[in-house]
Amino acid sequence: TMRAILYPLPLHIKGFIKADADGYETIVLNSNLTNESNRETFLHELAHSRYGDLARACCVDELEALRHKP
């Protein structure tokens, strides 16, 4: 199960995904950014979920490199 929330993050953080103890994956989007930016971030974080990145034992930089690869 997944949910998305808006939260006022620093401008340099667009958003992130996390797994909660209650079994939910939560996508946190920056409420200080535009709807379009949040839409793009949502789709990016959804890809992390779809490809099982939350269960991977590697660093965030490696995961981002994988998702941004053409």
N, C-alpha and C. Protein backbone atom coordinates (compact mmCIF):
# COMPACT_ATOMS: atom_id res chain seq x y z
N THR A 1 0.84 -1.17 0.00
CA THR A 1 0.00 0.00 0.00
C THR A 1 0.88 1.24 0.00
N MET A 2 0.41 2.29 -0.66
CA MET A 2 1.21 3.49 -0.80
C MET A 2 0.36 4.72 -0.52
N ARG A 3 1.03 5.73 0.00
CA ARG A 3 0.39 7.03 0.18
C ARG A 3 1.39 8.12 -0.17
N ALA A 4 0.88 9.29 -0.46
CA ALA A 4 1.73 10.45 -0.75
C ALA A 4 1.27 11.60 0.13
N ILE A 5 2.25 12.35 0.62
CA ILE A 5 1.94 13.51 1.45
C ILE A 5 2.77 14.70 0.99
N LEU A 6 2.24 15.88 1.24
CA LEU A 6 2.97 17.12 1.01
C LEU A 6 3.53 17.59 2.36
N TYR A 7 4.80 18.02 2.34
CA TYR A 7 5.45 18.46 3.57
C TYR A 7 6.41 19.58 3.20
N PRO A 8 6.52 20.63 4.02
CA PRO A 8 7.42 21.73 3.69
C PRO A 8 8.89 21.36 3.92
N LEU A 9 9.54 20.89 2.89
CA LEU A 9 10.95 20.50 2.93
C LEU A 9 11.82 21.67 2.47
N PRO A 10 13.12 21.61 2.76
CA PRO A 10 14.02 22.62 2.18
C PRO A 10 13.94 22.56 0.65
N LEU A 11 14.14 23.69 0.00
CA LEU A 11 13.97 23.75 -1.45
C LEU A 11 14.88 22.81 -2.23
N HIS A 12 16.04 22.45 -1.68
CA HIS A 12 16.96 21.57 -2.41
C HIS A 12 16.53 20.09 -2.33
N ILE A 13 15.50 19.78 -1.54
CA ILE A 13 14.98 18.41 -1.45
C ILE A 13 13.61 18.38 -2.13
N LYS A 14 13.53 17.68 -3.26
CA LYS A 14 12.27 17.61 -3.99
C LYS A 14 11.29 16.63 -3.36
N GLY A 15 11.83 15.56 -2.79
CA GLY A 15 11.00 14.55 -2.16
C GLY A 15 11.77 13.28 -1.95
N PHE A 16 11.10 12.30 -1.37
CA PHE A 16 11.72 11.00 -1.12
C PHE A 16 10.63 9.98 -0.85
N ILE A 17 11.03 8.70 -0.84
CA ILE A 17 10.11 7.62 -0.50
C ILE A 17 10.68 6.87 0.68
N LYS A 18 9.79 6.42 1.56
CA LYS A 18 10.24 5.66 2.71
C LYS A 18 9.22 4.56 3.00
N ALA A 19 9.69 3.50 3.62
CA ALA A 19 8.82 2.42 4.04
C ALA A 19 8.54 2.59 5.52
N ASP A 20 7.26 2.54 5.88
CA ASP A 20 6.86 2.71 7.27
C ASP A 20 6.71 1.34 7.94
N ALA A 21 6.77 1.35 9.26
CA ALA A 21 6.61 0.11 10.02
C ALA A 21 5.22 -0.50 9.85
N ASP A 22 4.24 0.32 9.47
CA ASP A 22 2.88 -0.19 9.30
C ASP A 22 2.63 -0.81 7.94
N GLY A 23 3.69 -0.97 7.14
CA GLY A 23 3.56 -1.63 5.84
C GLY A 23 3.29 -0.70 4.68
N TYR A 24 3.18 0.57 4.94
CA TYR A 24 2.94 1.55 3.87
C TYR A 24 4.25 2.08 3.32
N GLU A 25 4.26 2.36 2.04
CA GLU A 25 5.32 3.17 1.45
C GLU A 25 4.75 4.57 1.35
N THR A 26 5.52 5.54 1.79
CA THR A 26 5.07 6.93 1.77
C THR A 26 5.99 7.74 0.88
N ILE A 27 5.41 8.43 -0.09
CA ILE A 27 6.15 9.38 -0.91
C ILE A 27 5.91 10.75 -0.29
N VAL A 28 6.99 11.40 0.10
CA VAL A 28 6.92 12.73 0.68
C VAL A 28 7.33 13.73 -0.39
N LEU A 29 6.44 14.66 -0.69
CA LEU A 29 6.69 15.67 -1.71
C LEU A 29 6.81 17.04 -1.06
N ASN A 30 7.62 17.90 -1.65
CA ASN A 30 7.90 19.21 -1.09
C ASN A 30 6.75 20.18 -1.39
N SER A 31 6.05 20.60 -0.35
CA SER A 31 4.90 21.49 -0.54
C SER A 31 5.33 22.90 -0.98
N ASN A 32 6.62 23.20 -0.92
CA ASN A 32 7.12 24.50 -1.36
C ASN A 32 7.37 24.55 -2.87
N LEU A 33 7.19 23.43 -3.55
CA LEU A 33 7.45 23.36 -4.99
C LEU A 33 6.15 23.35 -5.78
N THR A 34 6.25 23.50 -7.08
CA THR A 34 5.07 23.56 -7.94
C THR A 34 4.41 22.19 -8.10
N ASN A 35 3.17 22.21 -8.54
CA ASN A 35 2.46 20.95 -8.83
C ASN A 35 3.21 20.14 -9.87
N GLU A 36 3.73 20.79 -10.90
CA GLU A 36 4.47 20.08 -11.96
C GLU A 36 5.73 19.42 -11.41
N SER A 37 6.46 20.15 -10.60
CA SER A 37 7.66 19.59 -9.98
C SER A 37 7.30 18.40 -9.09
N ASN A 38 6.23 18.53 -8.33
CA ASN A 38 5.81 17.43 -7.47
C ASN A 38 5.32 16.23 -8.27
N ARG A 39 4.70 16.48 -9.40
CA ARG A 39 4.28 15.37 -10.27
C ARG A 39 5.48 14.59 -10.77
N GLU A 40 6.51 15.30 -11.24
CA GLU A 40 7.73 14.65 -11.72
C GLU A 40 8.41 13.88 -10.59
N THR A 41 8.47 14.48 -9.42
CA THR A 41 9.09 13.81 -8.28
C THR A 41 8.29 12.58 -7.88
N PHE A 42 6.96 12.68 -7.89
CA PHE A 42 6.12 11.53 -7.56
C PHE A 42 6.41 10.36 -8.50
N LEU A 43 6.47 10.64 -9.80
CA LEU A 43 6.74 9.57 -10.77
C LEU A 43 8.13 8.98 -10.57
N HIS A 44 9.09 9.82 -10.24
CA HIS A 44 10.45 9.34 -9.98
C HIS A 44 10.47 8.42 -8.75
N GLU A 45 9.82 8.84 -7.69
CA GLU A 45 9.79 8.04 -6.46
C GLU A 45 8.98 6.76 -6.67
N LEU A 46 7.94 6.83 -7.48
CA LEU A 46 7.16 5.65 -7.82
C LEU A 46 8.04 4.61 -8.53
N ALA A 47 8.94 5.07 -9.38
CA ALA A 47 9.88 4.16 -10.05
C ALA A 47 10.77 3.46 -9.02
N HIS A 48 11.21 4.19 -8.01
CA HIS A 48 12.00 3.56 -6.94
C HIS A 48 11.21 2.41 -6.30
N SER A 49 9.93 2.64 -6.06
CA SER A 49 9.09 1.60 -5.48
C SER A 49 8.94 0.42 -6.44
N ARG A 50 8.62 0.72 -7.69
CA ARG A 50 8.37 -0.31 -8.69
C ARG A 50 9.58 -1.22 -8.89
N TYR A 51 10.78 -0.65 -8.82
CA TYR A 51 12.00 -1.43 -9.05
C TYR A 51 12.60 -2.00 -7.77
N GLY A 52 11.88 -1.88 -6.66
CA GLY A 52 12.33 -2.50 -5.41
C GLY A 52 13.53 -1.84 -4.76
N ASP A 53 13.72 -0.56 -5.03
CA ASP A 53 14.90 0.12 -4.51
C ASP A 53 14.93 0.23 -2.99
N LEU A 54 13.76 0.24 -2.35
CA LEU A 54 13.75 0.36 -0.89
C LEU A 54 14.36 -0.85 -0.21
N ALA A 55 14.38 -1.99 -0.89
CA ALA A 55 14.94 -3.21 -0.31
C ALA A 55 16.40 -3.44 -0.72
N ARG A 56 16.96 -2.58 -1.55
CA ARG A 56 18.34 -2.75 -2.00
C ARG A 56 19.33 -2.30 -0.93
N ALA A 57 20.40 -3.06 -0.82
CA ALA A 57 21.45 -2.74 0.15
C ALA A 57 22.58 -1.98 -0.54
N CYS A 58 22.27 -0.77 -0.97
CA CYS A 58 23.30 0.08 -1.55
C CYS A 58 22.99 1.53 -1.18
N CYS A 59 23.91 2.39 -1.49
CA CYS A 59 23.72 3.78 -1.06
C CYS A 59 22.76 4.53 -2.00
N VAL A 60 22.26 5.63 -1.51
CA VAL A 60 21.29 6.45 -2.25
C VAL A 60 21.88 6.93 -3.57
N ASP A 61 23.14 7.31 -3.59
CA ASP A 61 23.77 7.79 -4.82
C ASP A 61 23.74 6.73 -5.92
N GLU A 62 23.96 5.47 -5.56
CA GLU A 62 23.91 4.38 -6.54
C GLU A 62 22.49 4.21 -7.07
N LEU A 63 21.50 4.27 -6.19
CA LEU A 63 20.11 4.13 -6.62
C LEU A 63 19.70 5.26 -7.55
N GLU A 64 20.09 6.48 -7.20
CA GLU A 64 19.76 7.62 -8.08
C GLU A 64 20.43 7.47 -9.43
N ALA A 65 21.67 7.00 -9.45
CA ALA A 65 22.37 6.80 -10.73
C ALA A 65 21.61 5.77 -11.58
N LEU A 66 21.10 4.72 -10.96
CA LEU A 66 20.33 3.71 -11.68
C LEU A 66 19.05 4.29 -12.28
N ARG A 67 18.33 5.10 -11.51
CA ARG A 67 17.06 5.64 -11.96
C ARG A 67 17.22 6.76 -12.97
N HIS A 68 18.36 7.42 -12.99
CA HIS A 68 18.58 8.54 -13.93
C HIS A 68 19.31 8.09 -15.18
N LYS A 69 19.65 6.82 -15.25
CA LYS A 69 20.34 6.27 -16.41
C LYS A 69 19.40 6.30 -17.62
N PRO A 70 19.89 6.78 -18.77
CA PRO A 70 19.01 6.80 -19.96
C PRO A 70 18.68 5.41 -20.50
